[in-house]
Amino acid sequence: MADVVKILRLRKEKLSYRAIGAQVGLSKERVRQILHEEGVFHDPTERRKKSEARRQLILKLNGNGLTQQQIADRLGLKAHTSVGDILRRSGVSRWEEQRLRNGVNDQAILRLRNKGLTYRQIADQLRLPTTSAVYQSLKRSGATTANTTIRLDLDEAIRLRHAGLSHGEIARLLGASVSVVSNALSRAGVVERRRKD
């Protein structure tokens, strides 16, 4: 039997269903059900107040020069995209300003890519957290190839595979990524068999 008195006391202290559940060993849904049975309903104005307070805090942190990711980390949010949405809806920032603040400079990325750097090398050099930002930047610049397997000599890849070379070895010899080689060989029906130990 759940400690209803404790649940009611914690709710009066403005704890969330999840936080209450963690303290009493119940799921947030079960906490909600118990509170509902006791006549304590969720107040939508309370949620709006919390949402507005969070929005104001995000705007303040943005004004202090923090990136979206830094704001998300500080507030315990899972993704910086929700921070970006709030900033854009508030009219504070546009996509281009946010990209620049987060270190995503399309011209710099394109210059580095034209010098032959990989996505990982570009991300490391510009201190970007993922290669996805590099890819999206190059996509905006029209510098990505729609079908990267076009550059792969498929006949040569198949010949090398039948000669016993691994996907990694083929990729190094043909100057392609392992995923490009693997995908191309898979589509061609040449499947890499896993060794049984």
N, C-alpha and C. Protein backbone atom coordinates (compact mmCIF):
# COMPACT_ATOMS: atom_id res chain seq x y z
N MET A 1 0.85 -1.20 0.00
CA MET A 1 0.00 0.00 0.00
C MET A 1 0.89 1.25 0.00
N ALA A 2 0.63 2.12 -0.89
CA ALA A 2 1.42 3.34 -1.00
C ALA A 2 1.15 4.27 0.17
N ASP A 3 2.15 5.02 0.54
CA ASP A 3 2.03 5.99 1.63
C ASP A 3 1.37 7.25 1.07
N VAL A 4 0.04 7.27 1.12
CA VAL A 4 -0.73 8.36 0.51
C VAL A 4 -0.41 9.68 1.18
N VAL A 5 -0.25 9.67 2.50
CA VAL A 5 0.04 10.90 3.23
C VAL A 5 1.35 11.51 2.75
N LYS A 6 2.37 10.65 2.57
CA LYS A 6 3.67 11.14 2.10
C LYS A 6 3.55 11.69 0.68
N ILE A 7 2.80 11.00 -0.16
CA ILE A 7 2.60 11.46 -1.55
C ILE A 7 1.93 12.83 -1.56
N LEU A 8 0.90 13.00 -0.74
CA LEU A 8 0.19 14.28 -0.67
C LEU A 8 1.12 15.39 -0.15
N ARG A 9 1.93 15.06 0.86
CA ARG A 9 2.86 16.05 1.41
C ARG A 9 3.89 16.47 0.37
N LEU A 10 4.43 15.49 -0.37
CA LEU A 10 5.43 15.81 -1.39
C LEU A 10 4.82 16.63 -2.52
N ARG A 11 3.58 16.35 -2.85
CA ARG A 11 2.93 17.12 -3.91
C ARG A 11 2.71 18.56 -3.49
N LYS A 12 2.39 18.76 -2.19
CA LYS A 12 2.22 20.13 -1.68
C LYS A 12 3.54 20.89 -1.74
N GLU A 13 4.66 20.15 -1.69
CA GLU A 13 5.98 20.78 -1.79
C GLU A 13 6.35 21.05 -3.25
N LYS A 14 5.39 20.82 -4.15
CA LYS A 14 5.54 21.11 -5.59
C LYS A 14 6.47 20.14 -6.31
N LEU A 15 6.67 18.94 -5.77
CA LEU A 15 7.49 17.95 -6.46
C LEU A 15 6.70 17.38 -7.64
N SER A 16 7.40 16.99 -8.68
CA SER A 16 6.76 16.40 -9.86
C SER A 16 6.33 14.97 -9.55
N TYR A 17 5.47 14.43 -10.38
CA TYR A 17 5.03 13.04 -10.21
C TYR A 17 6.23 12.09 -10.23
N ARG A 18 7.15 12.36 -11.13
CA ARG A 18 8.35 11.51 -11.25
C ARG A 18 9.20 11.58 -9.99
N ALA A 19 9.40 12.79 -9.45
CA ALA A 19 10.21 12.95 -8.24
C ALA A 19 9.55 12.28 -7.04
N ILE A 20 8.23 12.41 -6.95
CA ILE A 20 7.50 11.74 -5.87
C ILE A 20 7.64 10.23 -6.01
N GLY A 21 7.45 9.75 -7.23
CA GLY A 21 7.56 8.32 -7.48
C GLY A 21 8.91 7.76 -7.09
N ALA A 22 9.96 8.53 -7.35
CA ALA A 22 11.32 8.08 -6.99
C ALA A 22 11.47 7.96 -5.48
N GLN A 23 10.81 8.83 -4.74
CA GLN A 23 10.92 8.79 -3.28
C GLN A 23 10.08 7.69 -2.64
N VAL A 24 8.95 7.36 -3.26
CA VAL A 24 8.07 6.36 -2.64
C VAL A 24 8.11 5.01 -3.36
N GLY A 25 8.91 4.93 -4.43
CA GLY A 25 9.07 3.65 -5.12
C GLY A 25 7.92 3.29 -6.04
N LEU A 26 7.32 4.30 -6.68
CA LEU A 26 6.22 4.07 -7.61
C LEU A 26 6.51 4.77 -8.94
N SER A 27 5.79 4.35 -9.97
CA SER A 27 5.92 5.03 -11.26
C SER A 27 5.19 6.37 -11.19
N LYS A 28 5.56 7.28 -12.09
CA LYS A 28 4.89 8.59 -12.08
C LYS A 28 3.41 8.44 -12.41
N GLU A 29 3.07 7.46 -13.23
CA GLU A 29 1.66 7.24 -13.56
C GLU A 29 0.87 6.78 -12.34
N ARG A 30 1.46 5.91 -11.53
CA ARG A 30 0.78 5.43 -10.32
C ARG A 30 0.61 6.58 -9.33
N VAL A 31 1.61 7.45 -9.22
CA VAL A 31 1.50 8.63 -8.36
C VAL A 31 0.35 9.50 -8.84
N ARG A 32 0.27 9.72 -10.15
CA ARG A 32 -0.83 10.53 -10.70
C ARG A 32 -2.18 9.93 -10.36
N GLN A 33 -2.29 8.59 -10.49
CA GLN A 33 -3.56 7.91 -10.18
C GLN A 33 -3.95 8.09 -8.72
N ILE A 34 -2.97 7.94 -7.82
CA ILE A 34 -3.25 8.09 -6.39
C ILE A 34 -3.70 9.52 -6.07
N LEU A 35 -3.01 10.49 -6.63
CA LEU A 35 -3.39 11.89 -6.41
C LEU A 35 -4.78 12.17 -6.97
N HIS A 36 -5.08 11.58 -8.12
CA HIS A 36 -6.40 11.75 -8.73
C HIS A 36 -7.48 11.16 -7.81
N GLU A 37 -7.22 9.97 -7.25
CA GLU A 37 -8.15 9.31 -6.33
C GLU A 37 -8.38 10.16 -5.08
N GLU A 38 -7.36 10.91 -4.69
CA GLU A 38 -7.45 11.76 -3.49
C GLU A 38 -8.01 13.15 -3.82
N GLY A 39 -8.37 13.37 -5.07
CA GLY A 39 -8.96 14.64 -5.47
C GLY A 39 -7.95 15.74 -5.75
N VAL A 40 -6.69 15.36 -5.93
CA VAL A 40 -5.65 16.34 -6.25
C VAL A 40 -5.38 16.23 -7.75
N PHE A 41 -5.80 17.25 -8.47
CA PHE A 41 -5.67 17.21 -9.92
C PHE A 41 -4.54 18.11 -10.39
N HIS A 42 -4.06 17.82 -11.57
CA HIS A 42 -2.98 18.61 -12.18
C HIS A 42 -3.52 19.99 -12.53
N ASP A 43 -2.78 21.00 -12.15
CA ASP A 43 -3.17 22.38 -12.42
C ASP A 43 -2.47 22.86 -13.69
N PRO A 44 -3.22 23.06 -14.79
CA PRO A 44 -2.57 23.47 -16.04
C PRO A 44 -1.89 24.84 -15.94
N THR A 45 -2.38 25.72 -15.06
CA THR A 45 -1.72 27.02 -14.93
C THR A 45 -0.34 26.86 -14.31
N GLU A 46 -0.19 25.87 -13.44
CA GLU A 46 1.12 25.59 -12.84
C GLU A 46 2.12 25.19 -13.91
N ARG A 47 1.67 24.36 -14.84
CA ARG A 47 2.55 23.93 -15.92
C ARG A 47 2.96 25.11 -16.80
N ARG A 48 1.98 25.98 -17.08
CA ARG A 48 2.29 27.16 -17.90
C ARG A 48 3.30 28.07 -17.19
N LYS A 49 3.16 28.20 -15.87
CA LYS A 49 4.10 29.03 -15.11
C LYS A 49 5.50 28.44 -15.17
N LYS A 50 5.61 27.12 -15.03
CA LYS A 50 6.92 26.46 -15.10
C LYS A 50 7.52 26.63 -16.49
N SER A 51 6.67 26.49 -17.50
CA SER A 51 7.14 26.62 -18.87
C SER A 51 7.65 28.04 -19.14
N GLU A 52 6.93 29.02 -18.64
CA GLU A 52 7.35 30.41 -18.83
C GLU A 52 8.64 30.70 -18.06
N ALA A 53 8.75 30.15 -16.86
CA ALA A 53 9.97 30.34 -16.06
C ALA A 53 11.17 29.72 -16.78
N ARG A 54 10.97 28.55 -17.37
CA ARG A 54 12.06 27.90 -18.11
C ARG A 54 12.43 28.73 -19.34
N ARG A 55 11.42 29.25 -20.03
CA ARG A 55 11.68 30.08 -21.21
C ARG A 55 12.51 31.31 -20.83
N GLN A 56 12.13 31.97 -19.73
CA GLN A 56 12.87 33.15 -19.29
C GLN A 56 14.31 32.81 -18.92
N LEU A 57 14.51 31.66 -18.27
CA LEU A 57 15.86 31.23 -17.89
C LEU A 57 16.70 30.93 -19.14
N ILE A 58 16.09 30.29 -20.13
CA ILE A 58 16.80 29.99 -21.39
C ILE A 58 17.20 31.29 -22.09
N LEU A 59 16.29 32.27 -22.11
CA LEU A 59 16.61 33.55 -22.74
C LEU A 59 17.76 34.25 -22.00
N LYS A 60 17.74 34.16 -20.67
CA LYS A 60 18.80 34.78 -19.86
C LYS A 60 20.15 34.11 -20.13
N LEU A 61 20.17 32.77 -20.13
CA LEU A 61 21.41 32.05 -20.38
C LEU A 61 21.93 32.31 -21.79
N ASN A 62 21.01 32.41 -22.75
CA ASN A 62 21.39 32.72 -24.13
C ASN A 62 22.01 34.11 -24.19
N GLY A 63 21.43 35.05 -23.46
CA GLY A 63 21.97 36.41 -23.41
C GLY A 63 23.35 36.46 -22.77
N ASN A 64 23.65 35.48 -21.90
CA ASN A 64 24.97 35.40 -21.26
C ASN A 64 26.00 34.73 -22.17
N GLY A 65 25.56 34.30 -23.39
CA GLY A 65 26.51 33.76 -24.36
C GLY A 65 26.64 32.25 -24.37
N LEU A 66 25.80 31.53 -23.63
CA LEU A 66 25.88 30.07 -23.63
C LEU A 66 25.33 29.51 -24.94
N THR A 67 25.89 28.38 -25.40
CA THR A 67 25.37 27.71 -26.59
C THR A 67 24.11 26.94 -26.22
N GLN A 68 23.39 26.49 -27.23
CA GLN A 68 22.19 25.69 -26.97
C GLN A 68 22.52 24.45 -26.16
N GLN A 69 23.62 23.78 -26.52
CA GLN A 69 24.00 22.56 -25.81
C GLN A 69 24.35 22.86 -24.36
N GLN A 70 25.06 23.95 -24.12
CA GLN A 70 25.42 24.32 -22.74
C GLN A 70 24.17 24.63 -21.92
N ILE A 71 23.20 25.31 -22.53
CA ILE A 71 21.95 25.62 -21.83
C ILE A 71 21.20 24.32 -21.51
N ALA A 72 21.12 23.43 -22.50
CA ALA A 72 20.43 22.16 -22.29
C ALA A 72 21.09 21.35 -21.18
N ASP A 73 22.43 21.31 -21.18
CA ASP A 73 23.15 20.58 -20.14
C ASP A 73 22.88 21.18 -18.77
N ARG A 74 22.90 22.49 -18.69
CA ARG A 74 22.69 23.16 -17.40
C ARG A 74 21.28 22.92 -16.87
N LEU A 75 20.29 22.88 -17.76
CA LEU A 75 18.90 22.70 -17.33
C LEU A 75 18.48 21.24 -17.26
N GLY A 76 19.38 20.34 -17.64
CA GLY A 76 19.05 18.92 -17.58
C GLY A 76 18.11 18.47 -18.67
N LEU A 77 18.13 19.17 -19.81
CA LEU A 77 17.28 18.79 -20.94
C LEU A 77 18.01 17.75 -21.77
N LYS A 78 17.25 16.87 -22.41
CA LYS A 78 17.85 15.79 -23.18
C LYS A 78 18.50 16.29 -24.45
N ALA A 79 17.93 17.30 -25.06
CA ALA A 79 18.45 17.75 -26.36
C ALA A 79 18.46 19.26 -26.43
N HIS A 80 19.46 19.79 -27.14
CA HIS A 80 19.55 21.23 -27.31
C HIS A 80 18.52 21.75 -28.31
N THR A 81 17.86 20.85 -29.05
CA THR A 81 16.89 21.31 -30.06
C THR A 81 15.71 22.01 -29.41
N SER A 82 15.30 21.58 -28.22
CA SER A 82 14.17 22.24 -27.55
C SER A 82 14.57 23.67 -27.15
N VAL A 83 15.83 23.86 -26.78
CA VAL A 83 16.32 25.20 -26.46
C VAL A 83 16.26 26.08 -27.72
N GLY A 84 16.73 25.53 -28.85
CA GLY A 84 16.69 26.27 -30.10
C GLY A 84 15.28 26.65 -30.51
N ASP A 85 14.34 25.74 -30.31
CA ASP A 85 12.94 26.04 -30.64
C ASP A 85 12.43 27.21 -29.81
N ILE A 86 12.74 27.21 -28.51
CA ILE A 86 12.29 28.29 -27.63
C ILE A 86 12.91 29.62 -28.07
N LEU A 87 14.19 29.61 -28.40
CA LEU A 87 14.86 30.85 -28.83
C LEU A 87 14.26 31.38 -30.13
N ARG A 88 13.99 30.48 -31.06
CA ARG A 88 13.41 30.93 -32.34
C ARG A 88 11.98 31.44 -32.15
N ARG A 89 11.18 30.72 -31.36
CA ARG A 89 9.79 31.16 -31.13
C ARG A 89 9.75 32.50 -30.40
N SER A 90 10.77 32.77 -29.60
CA SER A 90 10.84 34.04 -28.86
C SER A 90 11.36 35.17 -29.73
N GLY A 91 11.79 34.85 -30.95
CA GLY A 91 12.30 35.86 -31.86
C GLY A 91 13.69 36.34 -31.53
N VAL A 92 14.39 35.61 -30.66
CA VAL A 92 15.72 36.01 -30.22
C VAL A 92 16.78 35.60 -31.22
N SER A 93 16.57 34.47 -31.85
CA SER A 93 17.64 33.92 -32.68
C SER A 93 17.06 33.28 -33.93
N ARG A 94 17.84 33.38 -35.01
CA ARG A 94 17.47 32.69 -36.24
C ARG A 94 18.38 31.49 -36.39
N TRP A 95 18.04 30.59 -37.33
CA TRP A 95 18.84 29.39 -37.56
C TRP A 95 20.32 29.71 -37.75
N GLU A 96 20.61 30.73 -38.60
CA GLU A 96 22.01 31.04 -38.92
C GLU A 96 22.76 31.52 -37.69
N GLU A 97 22.11 32.38 -36.87
CA GLU A 97 22.76 32.87 -35.65
C GLU A 97 23.04 31.72 -34.69
N GLN A 98 22.10 30.79 -34.57
CA GLN A 98 22.29 29.65 -33.67
C GLN A 98 23.43 28.76 -34.16
N ARG A 99 23.50 28.54 -35.45
CA ARG A 99 24.58 27.72 -35.98
C ARG A 99 25.93 28.35 -35.69
N LEU A 100 26.05 29.66 -35.90
CA LEU A 100 27.31 30.35 -35.64
C LEU A 100 27.66 30.30 -34.16
N ARG A 101 26.68 30.50 -33.31
CA ARG A 101 26.94 30.46 -31.87
C ARG A 101 27.37 29.06 -31.44
N ASN A 102 26.84 28.03 -32.07
CA ASN A 102 27.21 26.66 -31.73
C ASN A 102 28.48 26.22 -32.44
N GLY A 103 29.12 27.13 -33.16
CA GLY A 103 30.40 26.82 -33.79
C GLY A 103 30.27 26.22 -35.18
N VAL A 104 29.08 26.25 -35.75
CA VAL A 104 28.87 25.67 -37.07
C VAL A 104 28.96 26.81 -38.10
N ASN A 105 30.11 26.89 -38.74
CA ASN A 105 30.35 27.91 -39.75
C ASN A 105 30.42 27.20 -41.10
N ASP A 106 29.37 27.37 -41.90
CA ASP A 106 29.27 26.64 -43.17
C ASP A 106 30.47 26.88 -44.08
N GLN A 107 30.97 28.12 -44.15
CA GLN A 107 32.09 28.41 -45.04
C GLN A 107 33.37 27.70 -44.56
N ALA A 108 33.61 27.72 -43.25
CA ALA A 108 34.81 27.07 -42.70
C ALA A 108 34.75 25.56 -42.92
N ILE A 109 33.56 24.99 -42.73
CA ILE A 109 33.39 23.54 -42.92
C ILE A 109 33.63 23.17 -44.38
N LEU A 110 33.09 23.96 -45.30
CA LEU A 110 33.27 23.69 -46.73
C LEU A 110 34.75 23.80 -47.12
N ARG A 111 35.44 24.83 -46.59
CA ARG A 111 36.88 24.97 -46.87
C ARG A 111 37.66 23.75 -46.42
N LEU A 112 37.38 23.28 -45.20
CA LEU A 112 38.09 22.11 -44.67
C LEU A 112 37.75 20.84 -45.46
N ARG A 113 36.50 20.72 -45.89
CA ARG A 113 36.11 19.54 -46.67
C ARG A 113 36.81 19.56 -48.03
N ASN A 114 36.94 20.74 -48.63
CA ASN A 114 37.63 20.85 -49.92
C ASN A 114 39.11 20.56 -49.80
N LYS A 115 39.67 20.69 -48.59
CA LYS A 115 41.07 20.32 -48.35
C LYS A 115 41.23 18.81 -48.16
N GLY A 116 40.10 18.08 -48.16
CA GLY A 116 40.16 16.62 -48.07
C GLY A 116 39.97 16.06 -46.67
N LEU A 117 39.59 16.89 -45.70
CA LEU A 117 39.39 16.39 -44.34
C LEU A 117 38.09 15.58 -44.25
N THR A 118 38.10 14.58 -43.40
CA THR A 118 36.89 13.77 -43.18
C THR A 118 35.94 14.55 -42.27
N TYR A 119 34.69 14.07 -42.18
CA TYR A 119 33.71 14.70 -41.30
C TYR A 119 34.24 14.72 -39.87
N ARG A 120 34.83 13.62 -39.40
CA ARG A 120 35.34 13.52 -38.03
C ARG A 120 36.46 14.53 -37.82
N GLN A 121 37.37 14.65 -38.78
CA GLN A 121 38.49 15.60 -38.65
C GLN A 121 37.97 17.03 -38.60
N ILE A 122 36.97 17.34 -39.42
CA ILE A 122 36.39 18.69 -39.40
C ILE A 122 35.72 18.95 -38.06
N ALA A 123 34.94 17.99 -37.58
CA ALA A 123 34.25 18.15 -36.29
C ALA A 123 35.26 18.36 -35.17
N ASP A 124 36.34 17.59 -35.18
CA ASP A 124 37.36 17.72 -34.15
C ASP A 124 38.05 19.08 -34.22
N GLN A 125 38.40 19.50 -35.44
CA GLN A 125 39.11 20.77 -35.61
C GLN A 125 38.25 21.96 -35.19
N LEU A 126 36.95 21.90 -35.49
CA LEU A 126 36.06 23.02 -35.15
C LEU A 126 35.38 22.83 -33.79
N ARG A 127 35.76 21.75 -33.09
CA ARG A 127 35.22 21.43 -31.76
C ARG A 127 33.70 21.27 -31.78
N LEU A 128 33.20 20.58 -32.81
CA LEU A 128 31.77 20.27 -32.88
C LEU A 128 31.54 18.93 -32.20
N PRO A 129 30.41 18.77 -31.50
CA PRO A 129 30.20 17.53 -30.75
C PRO A 129 29.98 16.29 -31.62
N THR A 130 29.40 16.47 -32.80
CA THR A 130 29.11 15.32 -33.66
C THR A 130 29.45 15.63 -35.11
N THR A 131 29.55 14.57 -35.91
CA THR A 131 29.78 14.76 -37.35
C THR A 131 28.48 15.14 -38.07
N SER A 132 27.37 14.96 -37.40
CA SER A 132 26.08 15.29 -38.01
C SER A 132 26.01 16.78 -38.38
N ALA A 133 26.56 17.64 -37.52
CA ALA A 133 26.56 19.08 -37.81
C ALA A 133 27.37 19.37 -39.07
N VAL A 134 28.46 18.63 -39.26
CA VAL A 134 29.30 18.80 -40.45
C VAL A 134 28.50 18.39 -41.69
N TYR A 135 27.85 17.22 -41.61
CA TYR A 135 27.06 16.72 -42.75
C TYR A 135 25.95 17.71 -43.10
N GLN A 136 25.22 18.18 -42.09
CA GLN A 136 24.11 19.11 -42.35
C GLN A 136 24.62 20.40 -42.98
N SER A 137 25.78 20.87 -42.52
CA SER A 137 26.36 22.08 -43.09
C SER A 137 26.72 21.87 -44.57
N LEU A 138 27.36 20.74 -44.86
CA LEU A 138 27.74 20.46 -46.25
C LEU A 138 26.51 20.25 -47.12
N LYS A 139 25.47 19.68 -46.53
CA LYS A 139 24.22 19.49 -47.27
C LYS A 139 23.61 20.85 -47.63
N ARG A 140 23.64 21.80 -46.69
CA ARG A 140 23.14 23.15 -46.97
C ARG A 140 23.95 23.81 -48.08
N SER A 141 25.25 23.51 -48.12
CA SER A 141 26.13 24.10 -49.13
C SER A 141 26.07 23.36 -50.46
N GLY A 142 25.32 22.25 -50.51
CA GLY A 142 25.23 21.45 -51.72
C GLY A 142 26.50 20.66 -52.00
N ALA A 143 27.28 20.38 -50.95
CA ALA A 143 28.57 19.71 -51.14
C ALA A 143 28.55 18.24 -50.75
N THR A 144 27.36 17.68 -50.56
CA THR A 144 27.29 16.24 -50.28
C THR A 144 26.88 15.52 -51.55
N THR A 145 27.29 14.28 -51.66
CA THR A 145 26.95 13.47 -52.83
C THR A 145 25.72 12.64 -52.49
N ALA A 146 24.72 12.68 -53.35
CA ALA A 146 23.49 11.94 -53.07
C ALA A 146 23.74 10.46 -52.94
N ASN A 147 24.56 9.91 -53.83
CA ASN A 147 24.80 8.47 -53.80
C ASN A 147 26.30 8.23 -53.82
N THR A 148 26.87 8.02 -52.62
CA THR A 148 28.32 7.93 -52.51
C THR A 148 28.86 6.66 -53.13
N THR A 149 28.01 5.65 -53.37
CA THR A 149 28.51 4.41 -53.95
C THR A 149 28.86 4.57 -55.43
N ILE A 150 28.46 5.67 -56.03
CA ILE A 150 28.81 5.92 -57.44
C ILE A 150 30.33 5.99 -57.57
N ARG A 151 31.01 6.54 -56.57
CA ARG A 151 32.46 6.70 -56.61
C ARG A 151 33.18 5.38 -56.37
N LEU A 152 32.47 4.36 -55.93
CA LEU A 152 33.11 3.09 -55.62
C LEU A 152 33.12 2.20 -56.86
N ASP A 153 34.27 1.62 -57.16
CA ASP A 153 34.39 0.66 -58.26
C ASP A 153 33.84 -0.66 -57.74
N LEU A 154 32.55 -0.91 -58.00
CA LEU A 154 31.86 -2.06 -57.43
C LEU A 154 32.46 -3.38 -57.91
N ASP A 155 32.80 -3.46 -59.20
CA ASP A 155 33.39 -4.70 -59.72
C ASP A 155 34.70 -5.04 -59.01
N GLU A 156 35.52 -4.01 -58.78
CA GLU A 156 36.79 -4.21 -58.08
C GLU A 156 36.54 -4.61 -56.61
N ALA A 157 35.55 -4.00 -56.00
CA ALA A 157 35.22 -4.32 -54.61
C ALA A 157 34.77 -5.79 -54.49
N ILE A 158 33.96 -6.24 -55.46
CA ILE A 158 33.50 -7.63 -55.45
C ILE A 158 34.69 -8.58 -55.67
N ARG A 159 35.56 -8.23 -56.61
CA ARG A 159 36.74 -9.07 -56.88
C ARG A 159 37.62 -9.19 -55.63
N LEU A 160 37.84 -8.06 -54.95
CA LEU A 160 38.66 -8.08 -53.75
C LEU A 160 38.00 -8.86 -52.61
N ARG A 161 36.68 -8.76 -52.54
CA ARG A 161 35.96 -9.50 -51.49
C ARG A 161 36.10 -11.00 -51.72
N HIS A 162 35.93 -11.43 -52.99
CA HIS A 162 36.07 -12.86 -53.32
C HIS A 162 37.51 -13.34 -53.14
N ALA A 163 38.46 -12.39 -53.17
CA ALA A 163 39.86 -12.75 -52.93
C ALA A 163 40.16 -12.90 -51.44
N GLY A 164 39.14 -12.62 -50.61
CA GLY A 164 39.28 -12.83 -49.17
C GLY A 164 39.57 -11.60 -48.34
N LEU A 165 39.55 -10.42 -48.94
CA LEU A 165 39.82 -9.20 -48.18
C LEU A 165 38.57 -8.79 -47.39
N SER A 166 38.80 -8.19 -46.23
CA SER A 166 37.68 -7.72 -45.40
C SER A 166 37.14 -6.41 -45.97
N HIS A 167 35.98 -5.99 -45.47
CA HIS A 167 35.40 -4.72 -45.91
C HIS A 167 36.34 -3.57 -45.59
N GLY A 168 36.98 -3.61 -44.41
CA GLY A 168 37.92 -2.55 -44.03
C GLY A 168 39.11 -2.47 -44.97
N GLU A 169 39.64 -3.63 -45.35
CA GLU A 169 40.79 -3.65 -46.27
C GLU A 169 40.39 -3.14 -47.65
N ILE A 170 39.22 -3.54 -48.10
CA ILE A 170 38.73 -3.06 -49.40
C ILE A 170 38.53 -1.54 -49.37
N ALA A 171 37.95 -1.06 -48.28
CA ALA A 171 37.72 0.38 -48.13
C ALA A 171 39.03 1.15 -48.21
N ARG A 172 40.06 0.67 -47.54
CA ARG A 172 41.36 1.35 -47.58
C ARG A 172 41.95 1.34 -48.99
N LEU A 173 41.86 0.21 -49.68
CA LEU A 173 42.43 0.11 -51.03
C LEU A 173 41.71 0.99 -52.03
N LEU A 174 40.38 1.09 -51.89
CA LEU A 174 39.58 1.84 -52.87
C LEU A 174 39.31 3.28 -52.44
N GLY A 175 39.77 3.66 -51.26
CA GLY A 175 39.59 5.04 -50.81
C GLY A 175 38.16 5.38 -50.47
N ALA A 176 37.44 4.44 -49.92
CA ALA A 176 36.05 4.67 -49.53
C ALA A 176 35.89 4.35 -48.05
N SER A 177 34.74 4.65 -47.50
CA SER A 177 34.49 4.29 -46.11
C SER A 177 34.03 2.84 -46.04
N VAL A 178 34.18 2.24 -44.86
CA VAL A 178 33.77 0.85 -44.67
C VAL A 178 32.27 0.71 -44.90
N SER A 179 31.48 1.69 -44.44
CA SER A 179 30.02 1.59 -44.61
C SER A 179 29.63 1.64 -46.08
N VAL A 180 30.34 2.45 -46.89
CA VAL A 180 30.04 2.50 -48.33
C VAL A 180 30.32 1.14 -48.97
N VAL A 181 31.47 0.55 -48.62
CA VAL A 181 31.83 -0.77 -49.16
C VAL A 181 30.81 -1.81 -48.71
N SER A 182 30.51 -1.84 -47.42
CA SER A 182 29.57 -2.83 -46.88
C SER A 182 28.20 -2.72 -47.53
N ASN A 183 27.70 -1.48 -47.64
CA ASN A 183 26.38 -1.27 -48.24
C ASN A 183 26.36 -1.68 -49.71
N ALA A 184 27.40 -1.30 -50.45
CA ALA A 184 27.46 -1.62 -51.88
C ALA A 184 27.53 -3.14 -52.09
N LEU A 185 28.37 -3.82 -51.31
CA LEU A 185 28.49 -5.28 -51.45
C LEU A 185 27.20 -5.98 -51.02
N SER A 186 26.57 -5.47 -50.00
CA SER A 186 25.31 -6.05 -49.54
C SER A 186 24.24 -5.93 -50.62
N ARG A 187 24.16 -4.73 -51.24
CA ARG A 187 23.17 -4.54 -52.32
C ARG A 187 23.48 -5.43 -53.52
N ALA A 188 24.77 -5.73 -53.71
CA ALA A 188 25.17 -6.60 -54.83
C ALA A 188 25.01 -8.08 -54.48
N GLY A 189 24.58 -8.35 -53.25
CA GLY A 189 24.36 -9.74 -52.83
C GLY A 189 25.60 -10.43 -52.30
N VAL A 190 26.68 -9.68 -52.09
CA VAL A 190 27.90 -10.25 -51.53
C VAL A 190 27.89 -9.94 -50.04
N VAL A 191 27.50 -10.93 -49.25
CA VAL A 191 27.32 -10.71 -47.82
C VAL A 191 28.54 -11.21 -47.07
N GLU A 192 29.01 -10.41 -46.12
CA GLU A 192 30.16 -10.81 -45.30
C GLU A 192 29.67 -11.80 -44.25
N ARG A 193 30.24 -12.97 -44.26
CA ARG A 193 29.85 -13.99 -43.27
C ARG A 193 30.61 -13.78 -41.98
N ARG A 194 29.90 -13.90 -40.88
CA ARG A 194 30.53 -13.78 -39.56
C ARG A 194 31.17 -15.10 -39.20
N ARG A 195 32.38 -15.00 -38.64
CA ARG A 195 33.06 -16.22 -38.21
C ARG A 195 32.44 -16.76 -36.95
N LYS A 196 32.32 -18.07 -36.87
CA LYS A 196 31.82 -18.71 -35.66
C LYS A 196 33.01 -19.11 -34.81
N ASP A 197 32.96 -18.72 -33.55
CA ASP A 197 34.07 -19.05 -32.64
C ASP A 197 33.88 -20.42 -32.03
